[in-house]
Amino acid sequence: MSTTQTTTVLEGGYIRLDDKLYENGDLRAYFGQTVDVISTANEIPTVMANDDRRLTLSPIFVTTALKIARNITLAAANNSRNKMGLILGDSGNGKTVATYYLAYTIPSCIRLCAWDGISPLVLLKTLLKKLQPEEGISRGTSQDVMTQLLPQVWGRIFVIDETNHLSRHHFEKLRNLVDEGCCTIIFVGTSLMLQSFENPRYSIYLEQAHRRIGGRQIYLNGALSVEILQEKLSMFFDPKSLNKPILEAFRKYNWGHLDEVIQQSLRRMEKLNQNLTIALIKAAAKETRAEVIKV
């Protein structure tokens, strides 16, 4: 029997954990059925042992954007024909966090990440490996791998991060997988990905995939609400020091940069024996090259 946690949803969307014994190590199904967020790896160590998908190092806060991303994913999955969705955002705006959030809160969801130079065949093999991790790497052509994939993908949701690296050839094979295998695919990338759909040379080939996405898309701007930001900062700083100007100073940075600014602020406070101030935050942001966003 392994020890894990039950959860209580607090105002602002943050999840606090309470001790509970949980016999089954399949936390993926457990969280998918009971909550819409997960917490840190050190609070739930059995996740690392029982799942090949890693946890982020800090808690995942349930923002409105994440809830919308989840609703879009489920809407695509429940659509009888157009079973695709799109999550866009600039670097550091929380796209990868969203992919882990979806993978851990929807039991049928599998996350994978593309990379520069990935071929359509390797992408299909990666999907197949995710479905049957105990098997070796599949051999054969794209057609061979597709034949193996189709019977196994029914009802599954695949969230593909870094889809900027995919070409029209990837999209066409994935569209075929959606249509013939009755699965759902959510593409996650930057706005550069849309250039493939809008490029006159390729748009005719991608029209069907674009149509299947339809209105099921969201753009993540990386901004945090004041409530969630305050909850996050309270994990690192004295809550009494988190006045409105301090909160606004931190709120200028997106998800990706915020963690770096927090850690650098803590280092400066310790090294210089200073209190948390706006000037210190700005200095920390400058040292980490954090870019200001529009809130």
Foldseek 3Di string as FASTA:
>chain_A
DDKAWDWDADPQQFIDTDTDDDDDLPQLVVQQPHHQFDAACVRGVSCVVPDVDDDDHGGDGDDPQLVLLLVLQVVLLPDPALNEAEEAEDPQLCLVVSLVSNSRNHSQEDEDEDDAPDDLQNVLQVVVCSQPVVDDGDDDDSVVSLVVVQQRAASHEYEYEPCLRPALVNLLSVSVSCRRNVHHYYYYYYPNSCCRCVPPVRVVSCVVNVVSHPPSYDYRHQFGDLSNLLVRCVVQAPSVVPDPVLSVLLRQFGNRLSVQLSVQLVVCCVVVVDDDDSVSSVVSCVVVVTDGGDD
